[in-house]
C-alpha atoms as a PDB file:
ATOM      1  CA  UNK A   1      -4.480  13.374  20.143  1.00  0.00           C
ATOM      2  CA  UNK A   2      -0.712  14.112  20.472  1.00  0.00           C
ATOM      3  CA  UNK A   3       1.313  13.797  17.980  1.00  0.00           C
ATOM      4  CA  UNK A   4       3.828  10.837  18.872  1.00  0.00           C
ATOM      5  CA  UNK A   5       8.134  12.185  17.885  1.00  0.00           C
ATOM      6  CA  UNK A   6       9.735  10.002  15.280  1.00  0.00           C
ATOM      7  CA  UNK A   7      13.152   9.350  15.696  1.00  0.00           C
ATOM      8  CA  UNK A   8      14.583  10.125  12.635  1.00  0.00           C
ATOM      9  CA  UNK A   9      16.288   8.019   9.777  1.00  0.00           C
ATOM     10  CA  UNK A  10      19.446   9.801  10.443  1.00  0.00           C
ATOM     11  CA  UNK A  11      19.563   9.090  13.913  1.00  0.00           C
ATOM     12  CA  UNK A  12      18.640   6.060  13.133  1.00  0.00           C
ATOM     13  CA  UNK A  13      21.673   4.878  11.231  1.00  0.00           C
ATOM     14  CA  UNK A  14      23.928   7.108  13.672  1.00  0.00           C
ATOM     15  CA  UNK A  15      23.237   4.599  16.463  1.00  0.00           C
ATOM     16  CA  UNK A  16      23.255   1.382  13.324  1.00  0.00           C
ATOM     17  CA  UNK A  17      26.782   2.899  13.034  1.00  0.00           C
ATOM     18  CA  UNK A  18      28.068   3.947  16.558  1.00  0.00           C
ATOM     19  CA  UNK A  19      26.576   1.472  18.567  1.00  0.00           C
ATOM     20  CA  UNK A  20      29.271  -0.873  20.489  1.00  0.00           C
ATOM     21  CA  UNK A  21      25.811  -2.724  21.966  1.00  0.00           C
ATOM     22  CA  UNK A  22      24.591  -3.825  18.653  1.00  0.00           C
ATOM     23  CA  UNK A  23      28.021  -4.215  16.990  1.00  0.00           C
ATOM     24  CA  UNK A  24      29.345  -6.938  20.018  1.00  0.00           C
ATOM     25  CA  UNK A  25      25.558  -8.174  19.531  1.00  0.00           C
ATOM     26  CA  UNK A  26      26.152  -9.434  16.248  1.00  0.00           C
ATOM     27  CA  UNK A  27      29.613  -9.987  16.210  1.00  0.00           C
ATOM     28  CA  UNK A  28      28.443 -12.751  19.120  1.00  0.00           C
ATOM     29  CA  UNK A  29      25.949 -14.454  16.959  1.00  0.00           C
ATOM     30  CA  UNK A  30      27.815 -14.356  13.976  1.00  0.00           C
ATOM     31  CA  UNK A  31      30.856 -16.030  15.708  1.00  0.00           C
ATOM     32  CA  UNK A  32      28.601 -18.318  17.958  1.00  0.00           C
ATOM     33  CA  UNK A  33      26.607 -19.576  14.235  1.00  0.00           C
ATOM     34  CA  UNK A  34      30.160 -19.881  12.598  1.00  0.00           C
ATOM     35  CA  UNK A  35      31.464 -21.776  15.832  1.00  0.00           C
ATOM     36  CA  UNK A  36      28.111 -24.002  15.943  1.00  0.00           C
ATOM     37  CA  UNK A  37      28.409 -25.377  12.845  1.00  0.00           C
ATOM     38  CA  UNK A  38      32.312 -26.439  12.889  1.00  0.00           C
ATOM     39  CA  UNK A  39      31.563 -28.003  16.024  1.00  0.00           C
ATOM     40  CA  UNK A  40      28.178 -29.312  13.927  1.00  0.00           C
ATOM     41  CA  UNK A  41      30.054 -32.352  13.146  1.00  0.00           C
ATOM     42  CA  UNK A  42      31.527 -33.086  16.938  1.00  0.00           C
ATOM     43  CA  UNK A  43      27.981 -33.114  18.230  1.00  0.00           C
ATOM     44  CA  UNK A  44      28.879 -30.093  19.838  1.00  0.00           C
ATOM     45  CA  UNK A  45      28.114 -26.266  19.733  1.00  0.00           C
ATOM     46  CA  UNK A  46      30.356 -23.554  20.498  1.00  0.00           C
ATOM     47  CA  UNK A  47      28.334 -22.682  23.839  1.00  0.00           C
ATOM     48  CA  UNK A  48      29.073 -26.093  24.979  1.00  0.00           C
ATOM     49  CA  UNK A  49      32.643 -26.095  24.197  1.00  0.00           C
ATOM     50  CA  UNK A  50      32.824 -22.921  26.368  1.00  0.00           C
ATOM     51  CA  UNK A  51      31.177 -24.525  29.130  1.00  0.00           C
ATOM     52  CA  UNK A  52      33.309 -28.261  28.926  1.00  0.00           C
ATOM     53  CA  UNK A  53      36.153 -25.594  28.718  1.00  0.00           C
ATOM     54  CA  UNK A  54      35.771 -24.071  32.053  1.00  0.00           C
ATOM     55  CA  UNK A  55      35.191 -27.247  33.369  1.00  0.00           C
ATOM     56  CA  UNK A  56      38.988 -28.531  32.378  1.00  0.00           C
ATOM     57  CA  UNK A  57      40.614 -27.528  35.635  1.00  0.00           C
ATOM     58  CA  UNK A  58      42.761 -29.191  38.370  1.00  0.00           C
ATOM     59  CA  UNK A  59      39.739 -29.253  40.817  1.00  0.00           C
ATOM     60  CA  UNK A  60      36.341 -29.365  39.918  1.00  0.00           C
ATOM     61  CA  UNK A  61      34.329 -25.722  40.268  1.00  0.00           C
ATOM     62  CA  UNK A  62      31.007 -25.101  41.474  1.00  0.00           C
ATOM     63  CA  UNK A  63      28.728 -23.850  39.101  1.00  0.00           C
ATOM     64  CA  UNK A  64      29.495 -19.941  40.986  1.00  0.00           C
ATOM     65  CA  UNK A  65      33.016 -19.496  39.304  1.00  0.00           C
ATOM     66  CA  UNK A  66      31.988 -21.236  35.830  1.00  0.00           C
ATOM     67  CA  UNK A  67      28.682 -18.944  35.691  1.00  0.00           C
ATOM     68  CA  UNK A  68      31.076 -15.958  36.190  1.00  0.00           C
ATOM     69  CA  UNK A  69      33.793 -16.890  33.848  1.00  0.00           C
ATOM     70  CA  UNK A  70      31.072 -17.596  30.960  1.00  0.00           C
ATOM     71  CA  UNK A  71      29.118 -14.452  32.617  1.00  0.00           C
ATOM     72  CA  UNK A  72      25.905 -16.415  32.779  1.00  0.00           C
ATOM     73  CA  UNK A  73      23.316 -16.901  35.617  1.00  0.00           C
ATOM     74  CA  UNK A  74      23.791 -19.540  38.186  1.00  0.00           C
ATOM     75  CA  UNK A  75      20.496 -21.305  36.295  1.00  0.00           C
ATOM     76  CA  UNK A  76      21.565 -20.863  32.659  1.00  0.00           C
ATOM     77  CA  UNK A  77      24.477 -22.417  33.382  1.00  0.00           C
ATOM     78  CA  UNK A  78      22.712 -25.437  35.095  1.00  0.00           C
ATOM     79  CA  UNK A  79      19.837 -25.602  32.809  1.00  0.00           C
ATOM     80  CA  UNK A  80      23.081 -25.714  29.765  1.00  0.00           C
ATOM     81  CA  UNK A  81      24.703 -28.725  32.197  1.00  0.00           C
ATOM     82  CA  UNK A  82      21.786 -30.777  31.776  1.00  0.00           C
ATOM     83  CA  UNK A  83      22.190 -32.252  28.374  1.00  0.00           C
ATOM     84  CA  UNK A  84      26.225 -32.552  28.869  1.00  0.00           C
ATOM     85  CA  UNK A  85      25.186 -34.944  31.985  1.00  0.00           C
ATOM     86  CA  UNK A  86      22.786 -36.769  29.817  1.00  0.00           C
ATOM     87  CA  UNK A  87      26.058 -37.547  27.290  1.00  0.00           C
ATOM     88  CA  UNK A  88      28.122 -38.355  30.584  1.00  0.00           C
ATOM     89  CA  UNK A  89      30.445 -36.001  29.657  1.00  0.00           C
ATOM     90  CA  UNK A  90      29.805 -33.842  33.089  1.00  0.00           C
ATOM     91  CA  UNK A  91      29.081 -35.257  36.081  1.00  0.00           C
ATOM     92  CA  UNK A  92      27.533 -32.693  39.379  1.00  0.00           C
ATOM     93  CA  UNK A  93      28.653 -33.887  42.457  1.00  0.00           C
ATOM     94  CA  UNK A  94      27.695 -32.661  45.915  1.00  0.00           C
ATOM     95  CA  UNK A  95      30.155 -30.524  47.606  1.00  0.00           C
ATOM     96  CA  UNK A  96      31.853 -31.997  50.652  1.00  0.00           C
ATOM     97  CA  UNK A  97      32.546 -28.365  52.183  1.00  0.00           C
ATOM     98  CA  UNK A  98      29.523 -27.210  51.751  1.00  0.00           C
ATOM     99  CA  UNK A  99      26.706 -29.763  51.104  1.00  0.00           C
ATOM    100  CA  UNK A 100      24.209 -27.660  49.626  1.00  0.00           C
ATOM    101  CA  UNK A 101      26.838 -27.116  46.361  1.00  0.00           C
ATOM    102  CA  UNK A 102      27.757 -28.687  43.700  1.00  0.00           C
ATOM    103  CA  UNK A 103      31.312 -29.101  42.416  1.00  0.00           C
ATOM    104  CA  UNK A 104      31.448 -30.335  37.915  1.00  0.00           C
ATOM    105  CA  UNK A 105      33.870 -32.848  36.892  1.00  0.00           C
ATOM    106  CA  UNK A 106      34.450 -33.442  33.854  1.00  0.00           C
ATOM    107  CA  UNK A 107      35.020 -37.330  33.069  1.00  0.00           C
ATOM    108  CA  UNK A 108      36.607 -39.184  31.262  1.00  0.00           C
ATOM    109  CA  UNK A 109      34.380 -39.304  27.970  1.00  0.00           C
ATOM    110  CA  UNK A 110      34.150 -35.148  28.733  1.00  0.00           C
ATOM    111  CA  UNK A 111      37.619 -34.705  28.453  1.00  0.00           C
ATOM    112  CA  UNK A 112      37.961 -36.940  24.974  1.00  0.00           C
ATOM    113  CA  UNK A 113      34.760 -34.988  23.762  1.00  0.00           C
ATOM    114  CA  UNK A 114      37.071 -31.561  24.784  1.00  0.00           C
ATOM    115  CA  UNK A 115      40.326 -33.024  22.981  1.00  0.00           C
ATOM    116  CA  UNK A 116      38.689 -34.193  19.603  1.00  0.00           C
ATOM    117  CA  UNK A 117      36.996 -30.042  19.705  1.00  0.00           C
ATOM    118  CA  UNK A 118      39.364 -28.717  20.309  1.00  0.00           C
ATOM    119  CA  UNK A 119      41.423 -28.597  16.401  1.00  0.00           C
ATOM    120  CA  UNK A 120      38.291 -27.120  15.089  1.00  0.00           C
ATOM    121  CA  UNK A 121      38.209 -24.651  17.433  1.00  0.00           C
ATOM    122  CA  UNK A 122      41.897 -23.918  17.040  1.00  0.00           C
ATOM    123  CA  UNK A 123      41.406 -24.055  13.055  1.00  0.00           C
ATOM    124  CA  UNK A 124      38.612 -21.837  13.280  1.00  0.00           C
ATOM    125  CA  UNK A 125      39.614 -19.556  15.646  1.00  0.00           C
ATOM    126  CA  UNK A 126      42.984 -19.109  13.218  1.00  0.00           C
ATOM    127  CA  UNK A 127      40.798 -18.312   9.980  1.00  0.00           C
ATOM    128  CA  UNK A 128      38.843 -15.808  12.066  1.00  0.00           C
ATOM    129  CA  UNK A 129      42.123 -14.390  13.290  1.00  0.00           C
ATOM    130  CA  UNK A 130      43.485 -14.209   9.273  1.00  0.00           C
ATOM    131  CA  UNK A 131      40.427 -11.529   9.005  1.00  0.00           C
ATOM    132  CA  UNK A 132      42.065  -9.522  11.334  1.00  0.00           C
ATOM    133  CA  UNK A 133      45.143  -7.702  11.638  1.00  0.00           C
ATOM    134  CA  UNK A 134      47.710  -8.999  14.441  1.00  0.00           C
ATOM    135  CA  UNK A 135      47.349  -5.766  16.188  1.00  0.00           C
ATOM    136  CA  UNK A 136      43.585  -5.142  15.880  1.00  0.00           C
ATOM    137  CA  UNK A 137      43.152  -8.546  17.336  1.00  0.00           C
ATOM    138  CA  UNK A 138      45.160  -7.938  20.126  1.00  0.00           C
ATOM    139  CA  UNK A 139      43.489  -4.404  20.969  1.00  0.00           C
ATOM    140  CA  UNK A 140      40.628  -5.777  19.851  1.00  0.00           C
ATOM    141  CA  UNK A 141      40.638  -8.556  22.587  1.00  0.00           C
ATOM    142  CA  UNK A 142      42.026  -6.378  25.150  1.00  0.00           C
ATOM    143  CA  UNK A 143      38.377  -4.178  24.630  1.00  0.00           C
ATOM    144  CA  UNK A 144      36.609  -6.263  24.768  1.00  0.00           C
ATOM    145  CA  UNK A 145      38.022  -7.722  28.385  1.00  0.00           C
ATOM    146  CA  UNK A 146      38.073  -4.287  29.602  1.00  0.00           C
ATOM    147  CA  UNK A 147      34.290  -4.166  29.237  1.00  0.00           C
ATOM    148  CA  UNK A 148      33.798  -8.059  30.279  1.00  0.00           C
END
């Protein structure tokens, strides 16, 4: 029987305290929960708010650019659109320039939902920003954008 090499508790603690991936994942889940709770009275999730906001453009985007902006794959974006379409917040239409593609448009109800959610997003974001020193918040955003 071969002896299994065990990772030391010290190594595990080092990874816990230094791993950017773990820190980013924990923070992302914490932020998502906080925004989900804030958006719950509006019958939206933080992800749905982000998706609606990503569709708020002068010309309707196709799934590809939305997926790129949200750092999601196209199938995930398509799946996340379904409940918003059922609620009448988003419409999907055939792209006249490429019949295989689909263009995504916020409906009047979608614009209204976005307008209604924006004060909640601003308030929640302000609460989070208060916990960060402004210089640190700017550096954090800059660093996260650089990694993305």
